Structures are given as C-alpha cells and as structure tokens.
Amino acid sequence: MTKISALFNEIFQAFSRALRYGLRLIGGMSPQALLGAALVLALVCAVLPLALTLFVIFLLVKLAFGATVIARRPRYTPYKDVE
C-alpha cells in the first residue's frame, strides 16, 4: 500500500510542479504573447479536430462510393476472335 501512495504522491508533485511552471510562464507573458498563445490553443482545440473529423468523414464516403462503383463495373471478358 505504501508503494501506491508513494506513486500517487509522486504524480501529484509532478503535476503541481508543472502547474506552477505554467502559471509562472503565463504570468511573465506580455498581453500580445498571451493573446497569441490563446489563439494557437483555440486553433488546436477547435479547428484541428474539426478538420480531422471532416477528413475522415469524406474519406469514408469516398471509400464507400468507390466500393459500390467497383462492384457494379462489368467483369473483364477475354477477347474472342469472331469470323
């Protein structure tokens, strides 16, 4: 049980160190840099997942359409010489 509590304690300390570092970093930023960081974060959190989702949807539509068109295509018949 002490190993588990030591693990959770280490995770908590690492998380709190990272949080303090982030707060110090944000506190030292100029307003312009803070605005730029907010815009980049908004891009990553909103636009990028939307673009990836639309890409996957259109790829699946393309694959489904291609599978139906290929299934309907007539099969190749060998050339027969007719006299």
N, C-alpha and C. Protein backbone atom coordinates (compact mmCIF):
# COMPACT_ATOMS: atom_id res chain seq x y z
N MET A 1 0.82 -1.20 0.00
CA MET A 1 0.00 0.00 0.00
C MET A 1 0.87 1.27 0.00
N THR A 2 2.01 1.20 0.60
CA THR A 2 2.87 2.38 0.64
C THR A 2 3.42 2.70 -0.74
N LYS A 3 3.62 1.65 -1.57
CA LYS A 3 4.12 1.91 -2.92
C LYS A 3 3.09 2.68 -3.74
N ILE A 4 1.82 2.32 -3.56
CA ILE A 4 0.76 3.01 -4.30
C ILE A 4 0.64 4.45 -3.83
N SER A 5 0.69 4.67 -2.54
CA SER A 5 0.59 6.05 -2.03
C SER A 5 1.83 6.85 -2.45
N ALA A 6 3.00 6.22 -2.47
CA ALA A 6 4.20 6.92 -2.94
C ALA A 6 4.07 7.29 -4.42
N LEU A 7 3.50 6.38 -5.21
CA LEU A 7 3.29 6.67 -6.63
C LEU A 7 2.34 7.84 -6.82
N PHE A 8 1.21 7.83 -6.08
CA PHE A 8 0.26 8.93 -6.19
C PHE A 8 0.88 10.24 -5.70
N ASN A 9 1.71 10.15 -4.67
CA ASN A 9 2.37 11.35 -4.17
C ASN A 9 3.33 11.91 -5.22
N GLU A 10 4.07 11.04 -5.89
CA GLU A 10 4.99 11.49 -6.94
C GLU A 10 4.24 12.08 -8.12
N ILE A 11 3.12 11.47 -8.50
CA ILE A 11 2.31 12.01 -9.60
C ILE A 11 1.77 13.39 -9.22
N PHE A 12 1.29 13.53 -7.98
CA PHE A 12 0.77 14.81 -7.52
C PHE A 12 1.86 15.88 -7.52
N GLN A 13 3.06 15.53 -7.05
CA GLN A 13 4.16 16.50 -7.03
C GLN A 13 4.55 16.92 -8.44
N ALA A 14 4.61 15.97 -9.37
CA ALA A 14 4.96 16.31 -10.75
C ALA A 14 3.89 17.21 -11.37
N PHE A 15 2.62 16.89 -11.11
CA PHE A 15 1.53 17.71 -11.65
C PHE A 15 1.56 19.11 -11.06
N SER A 16 1.80 19.22 -9.76
CA SER A 16 1.83 20.54 -9.14
C SER A 16 3.04 21.35 -9.61
N ARG A 17 4.19 20.68 -9.84
CA ARG A 17 5.35 21.37 -10.40
C ARG A 17 5.06 21.91 -11.80
N ALA A 18 4.43 21.08 -12.62
CA ALA A 18 4.09 21.51 -13.98
C ALA A 18 3.08 22.66 -13.95
N LEU A 19 2.12 22.60 -13.05
CA LEU A 19 1.13 23.66 -12.93
C LEU A 19 1.77 24.97 -12.48
N ARG A 20 2.67 24.89 -11.50
CA ARG A 20 3.38 26.10 -11.06
C ARG A 20 4.24 26.69 -12.17
N TYR A 21 4.91 25.82 -12.93
CA TYR A 21 5.73 26.29 -14.05
C TYR A 21 4.86 26.98 -15.09
N GLY A 22 3.70 26.40 -15.40
CA GLY A 22 2.79 27.00 -16.38
C GLY A 22 2.26 28.35 -15.90
N LEU A 23 1.93 28.43 -14.63
CA LEU A 23 1.43 29.71 -14.10
C LEU A 23 2.51 30.78 -14.11
N ARG A 24 3.76 30.40 -13.79
CA ARG A 24 4.85 31.37 -13.87
C ARG A 24 5.08 31.82 -15.31
N LEU A 25 4.97 30.87 -16.24
CA LEU A 25 5.16 31.20 -17.65
C LEU A 25 4.08 32.16 -18.13
N ILE A 26 2.83 31.88 -17.79
CA ILE A 26 1.71 32.75 -18.20
C ILE A 26 1.83 34.11 -17.52
N GLY A 27 2.24 34.12 -16.26
CA GLY A 27 2.38 35.39 -15.52
C GLY A 27 3.44 36.29 -16.11
N GLY A 28 4.46 35.71 -16.73
CA GLY A 28 5.53 36.53 -17.30
C GLY A 28 5.31 36.93 -18.74
N MET A 29 4.22 36.51 -19.33
CA MET A 29 3.96 36.82 -20.74
C MET A 29 3.39 38.22 -20.91
N SER A 30 3.73 38.83 -22.03
CA SER A 30 3.11 40.11 -22.37
C SER A 30 1.68 39.85 -22.87
N PRO A 31 0.84 40.86 -22.87
CA PRO A 31 -0.53 40.65 -23.36
C PRO A 31 -0.59 40.16 -24.81
N GLN A 32 0.33 40.63 -25.63
CA GLN A 32 0.33 40.18 -27.03
C GLN A 32 0.70 38.70 -27.13
N ALA A 33 1.68 38.28 -26.36
CA ALA A 33 2.08 36.87 -26.36
C ALA A 33 0.96 36.01 -25.79
N LEU A 34 0.28 36.51 -24.77
CA LEU A 34 -0.83 35.77 -24.18
C LEU A 34 -1.98 35.62 -25.18
N LEU A 35 -2.26 36.67 -25.93
CA LEU A 35 -3.28 36.59 -26.97
C LEU A 35 -2.89 35.60 -28.05
N GLY A 36 -1.64 35.62 -28.46
CA GLY A 36 -1.17 34.67 -29.47
C GLY A 36 -1.26 33.24 -28.97
N ALA A 37 -0.89 33.00 -27.72
CA ALA A 37 -0.98 31.66 -27.16
C ALA A 37 -2.44 31.20 -27.07
N ALA A 38 -3.33 32.12 -26.74
CA ALA A 38 -4.75 31.78 -26.67
C ALA A 38 -5.30 31.44 -28.06
N LEU A 39 -4.87 32.17 -29.08
CA LEU A 39 -5.32 31.87 -30.44
C LEU A 39 -4.80 30.53 -30.92
N VAL A 40 -3.55 30.23 -30.62
CA VAL A 40 -2.99 28.94 -31.02
C VAL A 40 -3.70 27.81 -30.29
N LEU A 41 -3.98 28.00 -29.01
CA LEU A 41 -4.70 26.99 -28.24
C LEU A 41 -6.12 26.80 -28.78
N ALA A 42 -6.78 27.88 -29.17
CA ALA A 42 -8.11 27.78 -29.76
C ALA A 42 -8.06 27.04 -31.09
N LEU A 43 -7.03 27.29 -31.88
CA LEU A 43 -6.86 26.59 -33.15
C LEU A 43 -6.69 25.09 -32.92
N VAL A 44 -5.85 24.75 -31.98
CA VAL A 44 -5.58 23.34 -31.70
C VAL A 44 -6.82 22.66 -31.13
N CYS A 45 -7.56 23.33 -30.27
CA CYS A 45 -8.70 22.70 -29.60
C CYS A 45 -9.97 22.68 -30.45
N ALA A 46 -10.11 23.58 -31.40
CA ALA A 46 -11.37 23.68 -32.14
C ALA A 46 -11.24 23.33 -33.62
N VAL A 47 -10.33 23.97 -34.30
CA VAL A 47 -10.26 23.84 -35.75
C VAL A 47 -9.60 22.54 -36.17
N LEU A 48 -8.54 22.16 -35.51
CA LEU A 48 -7.82 20.95 -35.90
C LEU A 48 -8.67 19.68 -35.76
N PRO A 49 -9.38 19.47 -34.64
CA PRO A 49 -10.24 18.29 -34.58
C PRO A 49 -11.37 18.32 -35.61
N LEU A 50 -11.90 19.50 -35.90
CA LEU A 50 -12.94 19.61 -36.92
C LEU A 50 -12.39 19.22 -38.28
N ALA A 51 -11.21 19.69 -38.62
CA ALA A 51 -10.60 19.35 -39.90
C ALA A 51 -10.32 17.85 -40.00
N LEU A 52 -9.81 17.27 -38.94
CA LEU A 52 -9.54 15.83 -38.96
C LEU A 52 -10.82 15.01 -39.07
N THR A 53 -11.88 15.43 -38.39
CA THR A 53 -13.15 14.73 -38.46
C THR A 53 -13.73 14.81 -39.86
N LEU A 54 -13.71 15.98 -40.46
CA LEU A 54 -14.22 16.12 -41.82
C LEU A 54 -13.39 15.30 -42.80
N PHE A 55 -12.08 15.25 -42.61
CA PHE A 55 -11.23 14.43 -43.47
C PHE A 55 -11.62 12.97 -43.39
N VAL A 56 -11.83 12.47 -42.18
CA VAL A 56 -12.21 11.06 -42.00
C VAL A 56 -13.58 10.79 -42.61
N ILE A 57 -14.52 11.71 -42.43
CA ILE A 57 -15.87 11.51 -43.00
C ILE A 57 -15.80 11.45 -44.52
N PHE A 58 -15.11 12.40 -45.14
CA PHE A 58 -15.02 12.40 -46.60
C PHE A 58 -14.24 11.20 -47.12
N LEU A 59 -13.24 10.75 -46.38
CA LEU A 59 -12.51 9.56 -46.78
C LEU A 59 -13.40 8.33 -46.74
N LEU A 60 -14.23 8.20 -45.71
CA LEU A 60 -15.15 7.07 -45.63
C LEU A 60 -16.20 7.12 -46.74
N VAL A 61 -16.70 8.32 -47.05
CA VAL A 61 -17.66 8.46 -48.15
C VAL A 61 -17.00 8.07 -49.46
N LYS A 62 -15.78 8.50 -49.67
CA LYS A 62 -15.06 8.16 -50.90
C LYS A 62 -14.85 6.65 -51.00
N LEU A 63 -14.46 6.02 -49.92
CA LEU A 63 -14.26 4.57 -49.93
C LEU A 63 -15.57 3.82 -50.18
N ALA A 64 -16.66 4.26 -49.56
CA ALA A 64 -17.95 3.60 -49.76
C ALA A 64 -18.42 3.78 -51.20
N PHE A 65 -18.27 4.98 -51.74
CA PHE A 65 -18.67 5.23 -53.12
C PHE A 65 -17.82 4.41 -54.08
N GLY A 66 -16.53 4.36 -53.83
CA GLY A 66 -15.64 3.57 -54.68
C GLY A 66 -15.96 2.09 -54.62
N ALA A 67 -16.32 1.60 -53.46
CA ALA A 67 -16.65 0.18 -53.34
C ALA A 67 -17.92 -0.16 -54.10
N THR A 68 -18.90 0.74 -54.10
CA THR A 68 -20.14 0.45 -54.83
C THR A 68 -19.94 0.58 -56.33
N VAL A 69 -19.14 1.53 -56.78
CA VAL A 69 -18.90 1.69 -58.21
C VAL A 69 -18.09 0.53 -58.75
N ILE A 70 -17.09 0.10 -58.01
CA ILE A 70 -16.26 -1.02 -58.46
C ILE A 70 -17.07 -2.31 -58.48
N ALA A 71 -18.00 -2.47 -57.54
CA ALA A 71 -18.81 -3.69 -57.51
C ALA A 71 -19.76 -3.74 -58.72
N ARG A 72 -20.19 -2.61 -59.23
CA ARG A 72 -21.11 -2.59 -60.37
C ARG A 72 -20.42 -2.69 -61.71
N ARG A 73 -19.12 -2.47 -61.75
CA ARG A 73 -18.39 -2.49 -63.01
C ARG A 73 -18.43 -3.90 -63.61
N PRO A 74 -18.68 -4.01 -64.91
CA PRO A 74 -18.72 -5.35 -65.53
C PRO A 74 -17.33 -5.99 -65.48
N ARG A 75 -17.35 -7.28 -65.33
CA ARG A 75 -16.08 -8.02 -65.25
C ARG A 75 -15.43 -8.11 -66.62
N TYR A 76 -14.16 -8.24 -66.61
CA TYR A 76 -13.38 -8.32 -67.85
C TYR A 76 -13.63 -9.66 -68.52
N THR A 77 -13.95 -9.63 -69.80
CA THR A 77 -14.11 -10.87 -70.57
C THR A 77 -12.99 -10.92 -71.60
N PRO A 78 -12.39 -12.07 -71.77
CA PRO A 78 -11.29 -12.15 -72.73
C PRO A 78 -11.79 -11.91 -74.16
N TYR A 79 -10.91 -11.38 -74.96
CA TYR A 79 -11.24 -11.08 -76.35
C TYR A 79 -11.41 -12.39 -77.13
N LYS A 80 -12.51 -12.46 -77.86
CA LYS A 80 -12.77 -13.65 -78.67
C LYS A 80 -12.73 -13.22 -80.14
N ASP A 81 -11.98 -13.97 -80.90
CA ASP A 81 -11.86 -13.70 -82.32
C ASP A 81 -13.07 -14.31 -83.04
N VAL A 82 -13.90 -13.45 -83.61
CA VAL A 82 -15.11 -13.92 -84.28
C VAL A 82 -14.90 -13.79 -85.78
N GLU A 83 -15.16 -14.89 -86.54
CA GLU A 83 -15.01 -14.84 -88.01
C GLU A 83 -16.33 -14.97 -88.70
